[in-house]
Amino acid sequence: NTDFKNARFIGTDLESARLMRSDFSGAVFEGSSLEMARLNHAWFVGTRFVANDFQETKFVATNLKNAQFAGNFTLYTIFTQSYMDGCQGCEPDWR
């Protein structure tokens, strides 16, 4: 478990990162690469995602309550069993 609450990730390269069970609540991701990252069981409550690369990223069983998604690349991204109440920009087919 890692605490990244309210952190700012601007242009950060987290490609293939293994950040399961981390807490990113209130964080900001802008222009970052999380391609193929594994974020299973992580918390993203109120997190803002703008213009990121999420190709093949695994958001399995994550908490995306009140998160905001805008302009992200989500080809082959997986959101299986994620909690998305209040998520802005989350697509209905992500559930």
C-alpha atoms as a PDB file:
ATOM      1  CA  ASN A   1       0.000   0.000   0.000  1.00  0.00           C
ATOM      2  CA  THR A   2       1.328   3.385  -1.000  1.00  0.00           C
ATOM      3  CA  ASP A   3      -0.132   6.791  -0.148  1.00  0.00           C
ATOM      4  CA  PHE A   4      -0.227   9.225  -3.077  1.00  0.00           C
ATOM      5  CA  LYS A   5      -3.132  11.322  -1.758  1.00  0.00           C
ATOM      6  CA  ASN A   6      -3.362  14.759  -3.412  1.00  0.00           C
ATOM      7  CA  ALA A   7      -0.193  14.128  -5.463  1.00  0.00           C
ATOM      8  CA  ARG A   8       0.310  15.762  -8.866  1.00  0.00           C
ATOM      9  CA  PHE A   9       1.480  13.585 -11.751  1.00  0.00           C
ATOM     10  CA  ILE A  10       2.216  15.926 -14.669  1.00  0.00           C
ATOM     11  CA  GLY A  11       3.815  14.189 -17.679  1.00  0.00           C
ATOM     12  CA  THR A  12       4.863  11.291 -15.448  1.00  0.00           C
ATOM     13  CA  ASP A  13       5.921   7.973 -16.991  1.00  0.00           C
ATOM     14  CA  LEU A  14       4.326   5.150 -14.996  1.00  0.00           C
ATOM     15  CA  GLU A  15       4.270   2.689 -17.903  1.00  0.00           C
ATOM     16  CA  SER A  16       3.930  -0.907 -16.648  1.00  0.00           C
ATOM     17  CA  ALA A  17       3.939   0.282 -13.018  1.00  0.00           C
ATOM     18  CA  ARG A  18       2.596  -2.074 -10.346  1.00  0.00           C
ATOM     19  CA  LEU A  19       0.660   0.130  -7.922  1.00  0.00           C
ATOM     20  CA  MET A  20      -1.962  -2.218  -6.548  1.00  0.00           C
ATOM     21  CA  ARG A  21      -3.835  -1.087  -3.402  1.00  0.00           C
ATOM     22  CA  SER A  22      -2.343   2.433  -3.572  1.00  0.00           C
ATOM     23  CA  ASP A  23      -4.375   5.477  -2.538  1.00  0.00           C
ATOM     24  CA  PHE A  24      -4.443   8.242  -5.183  1.00  0.00           C
ATOM     25  CA  SER A  25      -7.466  10.053  -3.706  1.00  0.00           C
ATOM     26  CA  GLY A  26      -7.527  13.716  -4.700  1.00  0.00           C
ATOM     27  CA  ALA A  27      -4.544  13.295  -7.031  1.00  0.00           C
ATOM     28  CA  VAL A  28      -4.163  14.907 -10.461  1.00  0.00           C
ATOM     29  CA  PHE A  29      -2.878  13.027 -13.523  1.00  0.00           C
ATOM     30  CA  GLU A  30      -2.233  15.268 -16.555  1.00  0.00           C
ATOM     31  CA  GLY A  31      -0.457  14.093 -19.714  1.00  0.00           C
ATOM     32  CA  SER A  32       0.945  11.026 -17.983  1.00  0.00           C
ATOM     33  CA  SER A  33       1.564   7.542 -19.352  1.00  0.00           C
ATOM     34  CA  LEU A  34       0.090   4.667 -17.362  1.00  0.00           C
ATOM     35  CA  GLU A  35       0.179   2.292 -20.323  1.00  0.00           C
ATOM     36  CA  MET A  36      -0.102  -1.321 -19.117  1.00  0.00           C
ATOM     37  CA  ALA A  37      -0.047  -0.211 -15.453  1.00  0.00           C
ATOM     38  CA  ARG A  38      -1.685  -2.506 -12.891  1.00  0.00           C
ATOM     39  CA  LEU A  39      -3.774  -0.494 -10.450  1.00  0.00           C
ATOM     40  CA  ASN A  40      -5.934  -3.269  -8.993  1.00  0.00           C
ATOM     41  CA  HIS A  41      -7.795  -2.347  -5.767  1.00  0.00           C
ATOM     42  CA  ALA A  42      -6.402   1.217  -5.812  1.00  0.00           C
ATOM     43  CA  TRP A  43      -8.417   4.230  -4.632  1.00  0.00           C
ATOM     44  CA  PHE A  44      -8.983   7.223  -6.940  1.00  0.00           C
ATOM     45  CA  VAL A  45     -11.683   9.081  -4.984  1.00  0.00           C
ATOM     46  CA  GLY A  46     -11.979  12.570  -6.483  1.00  0.00           C
ATOM     47  CA  THR A  47      -8.934  12.037  -8.695  1.00  0.00           C
ATOM     48  CA  ARG A  48      -8.692  14.065 -11.918  1.00  0.00           C
ATOM     49  CA  PHE A  49      -7.421  12.393 -15.112  1.00  0.00           C
ATOM     50  CA  VAL A  50      -6.767  14.696 -18.090  1.00  0.00           C
ATOM     51  CA  ALA A  51      -5.096  13.671 -21.389  1.00  0.00           C
ATOM     52  CA  ASN A  52      -3.382  10.490 -20.140  1.00  0.00           C
ATOM     53  CA  ASP A  53      -2.393   7.292 -21.940  1.00  0.00           C
ATOM     54  CA  PHE A  54      -4.284   4.377 -20.322  1.00  0.00           C
ATOM     55  CA  GLN A  55      -3.801   1.851 -23.135  1.00  0.00           C
ATOM     56  CA  GLU A  56      -4.066  -1.647 -21.602  1.00  0.00           C
ATOM     57  CA  THR A  57      -4.149  -0.236 -18.043  1.00  0.00           C
ATOM     58  CA  LYS A  58      -5.851  -2.466 -15.453  1.00  0.00           C
ATOM     59  CA  PHE A  59      -8.272  -0.551 -13.174  1.00  0.00           C
ATOM     60  CA  VAL A  60      -9.624  -3.818 -11.695  1.00  0.00           C
ATOM     61  CA  ALA A  61     -11.809  -3.381  -8.573  1.00  0.00           C
ATOM     62  CA  THR A  62     -10.733   0.249  -8.118  1.00  0.00           C
ATOM     63  CA  ASN A  63     -12.664   3.005  -6.360  1.00  0.00           C
ATOM     64  CA  LEU A  64     -13.319   5.797  -8.897  1.00  0.00           C
ATOM     65  CA  LYS A  65     -15.971   7.594  -6.846  1.00  0.00           C
ATOM     66  CA  ASN A  66     -16.260  11.243  -7.969  1.00  0.00           C
ATOM     67  CA  ALA A  67     -13.230  10.890 -10.277  1.00  0.00           C
ATOM     68  CA  GLN A  68     -13.037  13.015 -13.436  1.00  0.00           C
ATOM     69  CA  PHE A  69     -11.926  11.685 -16.821  1.00  0.00           C
ATOM     70  CA  ALA A  70     -11.326  14.000 -19.807  1.00  0.00           C
ATOM     71  CA  GLY A  71      -9.465  13.362 -23.067  1.00  0.00           C
ATOM     72  CA  ASN A  72      -7.740  10.111 -22.044  1.00  0.00           C
ATOM     73  CA  PHE A  73      -6.663   7.308 -24.395  1.00  0.00           C
ATOM     74  CA  THR A  74      -8.405   4.157 -23.108  1.00  0.00           C
ATOM     75  CA  LEU A  75      -7.925   1.501 -25.810  1.00  0.00           C
ATOM     76  CA  TYR A  76      -8.062  -1.968 -24.177  1.00  0.00           C
ATOM     77  CA  THR A  77      -8.268  -0.425 -20.695  1.00  0.00           C
ATOM     78  CA  ILE A  78     -10.017  -2.655 -18.142  1.00  0.00           C
ATOM     79  CA  PHE A  79     -12.345  -1.305 -15.423  1.00  0.00           C
ATOM     80  CA  THR A  80     -13.786  -4.653 -14.236  1.00  0.00           C
ATOM     81  CA  GLN A  81     -15.650  -4.473 -10.893  1.00  0.00           C
ATOM     82  CA  SER A  82     -14.706  -0.830 -10.314  1.00  0.00           C
ATOM     83  CA  TYR A  83     -16.896   1.472  -8.223  1.00  0.00           C
ATOM     84  CA  MET A  84     -17.797   4.488 -10.392  1.00  0.00           C
ATOM     85  CA  ASP A  85     -20.583   6.391  -8.594  1.00  0.00           C
ATOM     86  CA  GLY A  86     -20.295  10.095  -9.354  1.00  0.00           C
ATOM     87  CA  CYS A  87     -17.498   9.543 -11.867  1.00  0.00           C
ATOM     88  CA  GLN A  88     -17.554  12.277 -14.522  1.00  0.00           C
ATOM     89  CA  GLY A  89     -16.467  11.149 -17.969  1.00  0.00           C
ATOM     90  CA  CYS A  90     -16.654   7.427 -17.125  1.00  0.00           C
ATOM     91  CA  GLU A  91     -18.266   5.578 -20.007  1.00  0.00           C
ATOM     92  CA  PRO A  92     -21.240   3.259 -19.241  1.00  0.00           C
ATOM     93  CA  ASP A  93     -19.544   0.372 -21.065  1.00  0.00           C
ATOM     94  CA  TRP A  94     -16.567   0.544 -18.653  1.00  0.00           C
ATOM     95  CA  ARG A  95     -18.585  -1.224 -15.926  1.00  0.00           C
END
